[in-house]
Each structure stands twice: as C-alpha cells, then as structure tokens.
C-alpha cells in the first residue's frame, strides 16, 4: 500500500488548483478522444459521487481565507494499492466492485487524515474540504528506473492493474477557519502547543492506511509488505535490521507466528529492544507465545 502526500502533480500548490484538476481529468480526456465522451469518471467525497471538475476547482480555490500568496493552498494525496492488494480486491469484488470499494476506502483514509492532526473539531472527513478521483492507469515518469534504463519511455502506460485514488484536499478545513498542513511535522513545546500547531505524523498516517486496508478487506499482509519492515530496512540500525530479519525467517517457518511477528515489528520500529533476547523476553505474554511457537517442530 503506497500512500503519499505531495504538493501537486503539476508542481505548484500556492495558486489555483485548476492545473491539477485538469491534469487529473486526463483519463476523461482520453475517453473523449476515443469517441467515448459519455464514459466520464467524476469526482467524489463523503457526500457525493458525481461531482464535476468545475465545482472541485471553485470550492478549493475559494477556501483560502487568511492564506498568503506564498502559502500552500491544497495538497495531493495518492492512494495506490500494490499489485498483490489489487489482485485480492479483484478476486473478491471484480473490476467495477473494486473501484467502488476503493472509493469507500478513500473516505475512511480521509477520516484518518483528519484525526492525525489531533485538532479540536477536526475528527473526520466531514471536517475537511476534499475531492477524490479514481484512476485506472499509471504512466512512466522520467524519474522511473525503467525510463532511466531505456526500457520504457516517459508517458508510456504501466502494465498490470493500476487502480488508484488521487485526492485534492484543501489547506483549510471545511469551515475555512482552521489551517491544516501535513507539512507541519514539528512538535510544539508541550501537548497543548502541539495540538494548536496541528502536528502531522506522516508515518502514523501511512500506517493507519495500511492497517485500515487489512481490516476492511481482510487482507493477509506479510511482514515484508509492512511499512514498519520497509522503514527499518531503509533507515534502521544494524540491530533493528537483524531483529526484523529474524522475525521474517521465523514467520516463514512458522506461519502461526505471523500476527505476533507484526506486533513485535512495531516495537522494533520504536527502538524498544536492544537485542534479540530482549525482544522475546520483554514483551510479556506476546513474548511467551512467540517463544512457544519457536519451540514447535518444523516438518519438511
């Protein structure tokens, strides 16, 4: 599950959202060029599924009270399930069902986005001004490895299922009074000051989306497919990486340990264990359950 927050696909979020809205209409434009103008994919949010692009641009561009010329006016959230996750959705819901389920999932993700700010009065997607768009395809960019290697060309469509959701969310809340920026990751002087600033934890937001997907769609995620594992393998200490690798090896040999391994991986990512022994012995019942699984015979 890839969830990312950027300023804009078009590179500028300090002016009108018009360029971004038009960019996200590219699949509709392709349908028109193919003579299929009636097959249009409109925008959605928690209150409607057939919102036109004119409304999106107008509402986002007018929700900028007390924002300066150099201030960000909106942000782009990309929700992209992996090929394995999409295969699971297609198997359970089919193509059209997957599209609708991803829209429902996006609404829940925006609930998590709102709660992540920990601001009074910002509790769900209903407190935000946002619009989502389902897209069927993804295209290679000049930064992709395949393009740099010469195997693909910029603008070429990627293979496989590529369903994803793009969301434009206003910097201001639905009342146009409260500033909400996912770029604000600094902590305040104390809990009250942090709440006033609206500190946003990007890692926690991505983790909440991953957990939400697994819960809503009953998806069995392997340890190597988790954000915790990826973060440790990229930024963790050598000891943390070793702990994660041991968890993965044990999970592969003892499938019953999968859930316990995921719980322990979160503690590893928080740096709670100095060594392997501490990982097993300092986690109470989880540790004893894990140890009992380790003692079970492996049949080959």
Protein backbone atom coordinates (compact mmCIF):
# COMPACT_ATOMS: atom_id res chain seq x y z
CA UNK A 1 0.00 0.00 0.00
CA UNK A 2 1.52 3.27 -1.14
CA UNK A 3 0.06 6.41 0.44
CA UNK A 4 1.87 9.64 -0.28
CA UNK A 5 1.24 13.35 0.25
CA UNK A 6 2.72 15.87 -2.17
CA UNK A 7 2.18 19.49 -3.10
CA UNK A 8 0.86 18.75 -6.59
CA UNK A 9 1.49 16.59 -9.66
CA UNK A 10 1.84 19.86 -11.56
CA UNK A 11 4.50 21.21 -9.19
CA UNK A 12 2.64 24.18 -7.68
CA UNK A 13 0.07 24.33 -4.89
CA UNK A 14 0.38 28.01 -3.99
CA UNK A 15 -2.06 29.27 -6.63
CA UNK A 16 -5.16 27.90 -8.29
CA UNK A 17 -5.94 24.19 -8.24
CA UNK A 18 -7.08 24.45 -11.86
CA UNK A 19 -3.93 22.96 -13.41
CA UNK A 20 -4.01 19.95 -11.07
CA UNK A 21 -7.75 19.39 -11.56
CA UNK A 22 -7.27 19.47 -15.33
CA UNK A 23 -4.31 17.10 -15.08
CA UNK A 24 -6.42 14.61 -13.14
CA UNK A 25 -9.04 14.77 -15.89
CA UNK A 26 -6.58 13.13 -18.32
CA UNK A 27 -8.41 9.79 -18.46
CA UNK A 28 -11.70 11.53 -19.19
CA UNK A 29 -10.00 13.45 -21.98
CA UNK A 30 -8.67 10.20 -23.42
CA UNK A 31 -12.22 8.81 -23.47
CA UNK A 32 -13.43 11.86 -25.39
CA UNK A 33 -10.62 11.48 -27.91
CA UNK A 34 -11.67 7.87 -28.42
CA UNK A 35 -15.25 8.97 -29.06
CA UNK A 36 -16.46 7.71 -25.67
CA UNK A 37 -17.33 11.03 -24.11
CA UNK A 38 -20.21 9.62 -22.08
CA UNK A 39 -17.90 7.32 -20.09
CA UNK A 40 -16.71 10.03 -17.72
CA UNK A 41 -15.32 9.45 -14.23
CA UNK A 42 -16.46 12.28 -11.97
CA UNK A 43 -15.12 13.28 -8.58
CA UNK A 44 -16.33 12.06 -5.19
CA UNK A 45 -16.11 12.86 -1.50
CA UNK A 46 -18.06 11.75 1.54
CA UNK A 47 -21.26 13.42 0.33
CA UNK A 48 -21.40 12.81 -3.43
CA UNK A 49 -20.11 10.61 -6.27
CA UNK A 50 -20.87 12.71 -9.35
CA UNK A 51 -19.05 15.97 -8.64
CA UNK A 52 -17.89 17.89 -11.71
CA UNK A 53 -14.40 19.32 -12.05
CA UNK A 54 -15.71 22.90 -12.15
CA UNK A 55 -17.07 22.52 -8.62
CA UNK A 56 -13.80 20.98 -7.41
CA UNK A 57 -11.71 23.88 -8.69
CA UNK A 58 -14.14 26.55 -7.49
CA UNK A 59 -14.52 25.13 -3.96
CA UNK A 60 -10.79 24.51 -3.43
CA UNK A 61 -9.77 27.91 -4.84
CA UNK A 62 -12.28 29.81 -2.70
CA UNK A 63 -11.33 28.06 0.56
CA UNK A 64 -8.19 30.10 1.22
CA UNK A 65 -9.11 32.65 3.91
CA UNK A 66 -6.04 34.31 5.50
CA UNK A 67 -3.58 32.38 3.33
CA UNK A 68 -0.78 34.42 1.81
CA UNK A 69 0.48 34.35 -1.75
CA UNK A 70 3.38 32.05 -0.81
CA UNK A 71 1.27 29.69 1.35
CA UNK A 72 0.23 26.22 0.21
CA UNK A 73 -3.46 26.19 -0.72
CA UNK A 74 -4.02 22.46 -1.18
CA UNK A 75 -2.29 19.08 -1.13
CA UNK A 76 -2.43 15.92 -3.23
CA UNK A 77 -2.85 12.52 -1.58
CA UNK A 78 -2.09 9.42 -3.62
CA UNK A 79 -3.59 6.10 -2.50
CA UNK A 80 -2.09 3.28 -4.58
CA UNK A 81 -2.67 -0.38 -3.65
CA UNK A 82 0.06 -2.84 -4.64
CA UNK A 83 -0.42 -5.42 -7.39
CA UNK A 84 -0.99 -8.06 -4.73
CA UNK A 85 -3.58 -5.92 -2.94
CA UNK A 86 -5.38 -5.18 -6.20
CA UNK A 87 -5.39 -8.88 -7.12
CA UNK A 88 -7.10 -9.56 -3.80
CA UNK A 89 -9.72 -6.87 -4.42
CA UNK A 90 -10.39 -8.02 -8.00
CA UNK A 91 -10.81 -11.60 -6.84
CA UNK A 92 -13.33 -10.62 -4.18
CA UNK A 93 -15.18 -7.70 -5.81
CA UNK A 94 -14.42 -7.76 -9.55
CA UNK A 95 -13.34 -4.73 -11.60
CA UNK A 96 -16.34 -2.45 -11.01
CA UNK A 97 -16.70 -3.54 -7.41
CA UNK A 98 -13.03 -2.78 -6.77
CA UNK A 99 -13.47 0.78 -7.99
CA UNK A 100 -16.37 1.40 -5.62
CA UNK A 101 -14.61 -0.28 -2.70
CA UNK A 102 -11.52 1.86 -3.25
CA UNK A 103 -13.69 4.98 -3.13
CA UNK A 104 -15.22 3.83 0.16
CA UNK A 105 -11.73 3.07 1.45
CA UNK A 106 -10.53 6.55 0.46
CA UNK A 107 -13.25 8.12 2.61
CA UNK A 108 -12.01 6.11 5.59
CA UNK A 109 -8.42 7.16 4.82
CA UNK A 110 -9.53 10.79 4.95
CA UNK A 111 -11.03 10.09 8.37
CA UNK A 112 -7.54 9.01 9.45
CA UNK A 113 -6.02 12.08 7.80
CA UNK A 114 -8.31 14.33 9.84
CA UNK A 115 -7.68 12.54 13.13
CA UNK A 116 -3.91 12.64 12.60
CA UNK A 117 -3.88 16.42 13.16
CA UNK A 118 -5.24 15.96 16.69
CA UNK A 119 -7.05 19.28 16.41
CA UNK A 120 -10.31 20.04 18.26
CA UNK A 121 -13.17 19.97 15.78
CA UNK A 122 -11.19 18.04 13.15
CA UNK A 123 -12.41 14.49 13.64
CA UNK A 124 -13.39 13.02 10.28
CA UNK A 125 -13.50 13.58 6.51
CA UNK A 126 -16.62 15.69 7.07
CA UNK A 127 -14.45 18.36 8.69
CA UNK A 128 -12.26 18.61 5.58
CA UNK A 129 -12.74 20.08 2.12
CA UNK A 130 -11.56 17.37 -0.26
CA UNK A 131 -12.30 15.65 -3.56
CA UNK A 132 -11.16 12.25 -4.81
CA UNK A 133 -10.76 10.74 -8.27
CA UNK A 134 -10.44 7.08 -9.22
CA UNK A 135 -7.90 6.41 -11.97
CA UNK A 136 -7.38 3.20 -13.92
CA UNK A 137 -3.87 3.69 -15.25
CA UNK A 138 -0.42 4.88 -14.27
CA UNK A 139 2.27 6.19 -16.60
CA UNK A 140 6.05 6.13 -16.52
CA UNK A 141 7.81 9.33 -15.48
CA UNK A 142 11.33 10.45 -16.30
CA UNK A 143 12.36 9.60 -12.73
CA UNK A 144 11.35 5.92 -13.01
CA UNK A 145 14.19 3.38 -13.15
CA UNK A 146 12.73 1.76 -16.27
CA UNK A 147 12.88 5.08 -18.13
CA UNK A 148 16.43 5.81 -16.97
CA UNK A 149 17.49 2.34 -18.11
CA UNK A 150 15.92 2.91 -21.52
CA UNK A 151 13.45 0.04 -21.18
CA UNK A 152 10.42 2.35 -21.09
CA UNK A 153 9.54 5.81 -22.36
CA UNK A 154 8.13 8.73 -20.41
CA UNK A 155 4.33 8.74 -20.72
CA UNK A 156 4.11 5.04 -21.55
CA UNK A 157 1.33 3.19 -19.71
CA UNK A 158 2.44 0.80 -16.96
CA UNK A 159 1.50 -2.87 -17.18
CA UNK A 160 -0.87 -4.71 -14.86
CA UNK A 161 -3.71 -3.42 -12.74
CA UNK A 162 -3.07 0.17 -11.75
CA UNK A 163 -6.26 1.30 -9.98
CA UNK A 164 -5.52 4.14 -7.57
CA UNK A 165 -7.13 7.17 -5.96
CA UNK A 166 -5.95 10.77 -6.23
CA UNK A 167 -7.28 13.24 -3.64
CA UNK A 168 -7.08 17.03 -3.57
CA UNK A 169 -7.52 18.33 -0.02
CA UNK A 170 -7.71 21.99 0.94
CA UNK A 171 -5.17 23.53 3.32
CA UNK A 172 -8.15 24.98 5.23
CA UNK A 173 -10.86 22.94 6.91
CA UNK A 174 -14.46 22.83 5.67
CA UNK A 175 -15.30 26.00 7.64
CA UNK A 176 -12.41 27.93 6.03
CA UNK A 177 -11.18 28.88 9.52
CA UNK A 178 -8.59 26.27 10.54
CA UNK A 179 -5.25 25.76 8.78
CA UNK A 180 -4.28 22.11 8.34
CA UNK A 181 -0.92 21.27 6.84
CA UNK A 182 0.56 17.74 6.58
CA UNK A 183 3.89 19.51 6.06
CA UNK A 184 3.87 20.57 9.71
CA UNK A 185 5.74 17.70 11.35
CA UNK A 186 7.39 19.66 14.18
CA UNK A 187 6.29 19.17 17.77
CA UNK A 188 5.21 22.04 19.95
CA UNK A 189 6.66 22.98 23.33
CA UNK A 190 4.10 20.77 25.07
CA UNK A 191 0.96 18.73 24.35
CA UNK A 192 -1.28 21.81 24.24
CA UNK A 193 1.07 23.71 21.95
CA UNK A 194 1.38 20.70 19.62
CA UNK A 195 -2.42 20.50 19.41
CA UNK A 196 -2.59 24.17 18.48
CA UNK A 197 0.03 23.75 15.76
CA UNK A 198 -1.70 20.68 14.36
CA UNK A 199 1.37 18.43 14.22
CA UNK A 200 1.02 15.79 11.49
CA UNK A 201 2.73 12.39 11.73
CA UNK A 202 3.16 11.13 8.17
CA UNK A 203 4.43 7.70 9.18
CA UNK A 204 1.48 7.16 11.51
CA UNK A 205 -0.89 8.25 8.72
CA UNK A 206 0.59 5.73 6.29
CA UNK A 207 0.49 3.01 8.94
CA UNK A 208 -3.17 3.74 9.66
CA UNK A 209 -3.96 3.37 5.95
CA UNK A 210 -2.16 0.03 5.81
CA UNK A 211 -3.93 -1.28 8.91
CA UNK A 212 -7.26 0.01 7.61
CA UNK A 213 -6.83 -1.82 4.30
CA UNK A 214 -6.02 -5.10 6.05
CA UNK A 215 -9.02 -4.77 8.37
CA UNK A 216 -11.60 -3.59 5.84
CA UNK A 217 -10.64 -6.06 3.11
CA UNK A 218 -9.47 -8.99 5.27
CA UNK A 219 -6.07 -8.84 3.60
CA UNK A 220 -3.29 -11.09 4.91
CA UNK A 221 -0.19 -8.89 4.78
CA UNK A 222 3.22 -10.47 5.13
CA UNK A 223 5.82 -8.88 7.39
CA UNK A 224 7.96 -7.80 4.42
CA UNK A 225 4.94 -5.96 2.99
CA UNK A 226 4.54 -3.71 6.03
CA UNK A 227 5.65 -0.10 6.40
CA UNK A 228 7.46 -0.98 9.62
CA UNK A 229 9.64 -3.52 7.81
CA UNK A 230 10.40 -1.18 4.91
CA UNK A 231 11.31 1.70 7.22
CA UNK A 232 13.65 -0.43 9.33
CA UNK A 233 15.38 -1.94 6.30
CA UNK A 234 15.92 1.56 4.91
CA UNK A 235 16.64 3.65 7.99
CA UNK A 236 17.03 1.30 10.97
CA UNK A 237 20.14 0.35 12.93
CA UNK A 238 22.00 -2.87 12.17
CA UNK A 239 20.48 -4.41 15.32
CA UNK A 240 16.94 -3.46 14.28
CA UNK A 241 17.50 -4.89 10.80
CA UNK A 242 18.74 -8.14 12.32
CA UNK A 243 15.69 -8.34 14.58
CA UNK A 244 13.37 -7.81 11.61
CA UNK A 245 15.16 -10.42 9.52
CA UNK A 246 14.86 -12.96 12.31
CA UNK A 247 11.15 -12.21 12.64
CA UNK A 248 10.70 -12.74 8.91
CA UNK A 249 12.64 -16.02 8.92
CA UNK A 250 10.60 -17.35 11.83
CA UNK A 251 7.33 -16.23 10.26
CA UNK A 252 8.19 -18.11 7.07
CA UNK A 253 8.98 -21.28 9.02
CA UNK A 254 6.10 -20.93 11.47
CA UNK A 255 3.05 -19.30 9.79
CA UNK A 256 1.23 -19.27 13.15
CA UNK A 257 3.67 -16.61 14.32
CA UNK A 258 2.60 -14.03 11.70
CA UNK A 259 0.40 -11.87 13.92
CA UNK A 260 2.84 -11.93 16.83
CA UNK A 261 5.66 -11.00 14.44
CA UNK A 262 3.71 -7.96 13.25
CA UNK A 263 3.14 -6.82 16.84
CA UNK A 264 6.81 -7.21 17.65
CA UNK A 265 7.82 -5.38 14.47
CA UNK A 266 6.09 -2.23 15.70
CA UNK A 267 8.11 -2.35 18.90
CA UNK A 268 11.28 -2.86 16.88
CA UNK A 269 10.48 0.21 14.78
CA UNK A 270 10.11 2.19 18.01
CA UNK A 271 13.55 1.05 19.15
CA UNK A 272 12.31 -0.75 22.25
CA UNK A 273 14.67 -3.75 22.05
CA UNK A 274 18.45 -3.57 22.44
CA UNK A 275 18.93 -7.19 21.34
CA UNK A 276 17.12 -10.34 20.22
CA UNK A 277 16.78 -11.76 23.73
CA UNK A 278 15.16 -8.59 24.96
CA UNK A 279 12.77 -8.69 22.02
CA UNK A 280 11.46 -12.07 23.14
CA UNK A 281 11.56 -11.75 26.93
CA UNK A 282 10.42 -8.17 27.49
CA UNK A 283 7.04 -8.37 25.75
CA UNK A 284 5.05 -10.26 28.33
CA UNK A 285 2.52 -12.75 27.03
CA UNK A 286 3.31 -11.88 23.41
CA UNK A 287 6.90 -12.87 24.06
CA UNK A 288 5.97 -16.16 25.75
CA UNK A 289 3.53 -17.01 22.96
CA UNK A 290 6.24 -16.25 20.42
CA UNK A 291 8.74 -18.41 22.28
CA UNK A 292 6.29 -21.32 22.39
CA UNK A 293 5.88 -21.08 18.62
CA UNK A 294 9.65 -21.14 18.19
CA UNK A 295 9.76 -24.42 20.13
CA UNK A 296 7.25 -26.12 17.81
CA UNK A 297 8.76 -28.65 15.37
CA UNK A 298 9.05 -27.73 11.71
CA UNK A 299 8.08 -30.52 9.32
CA UNK A 300 9.79 -30.63 5.94
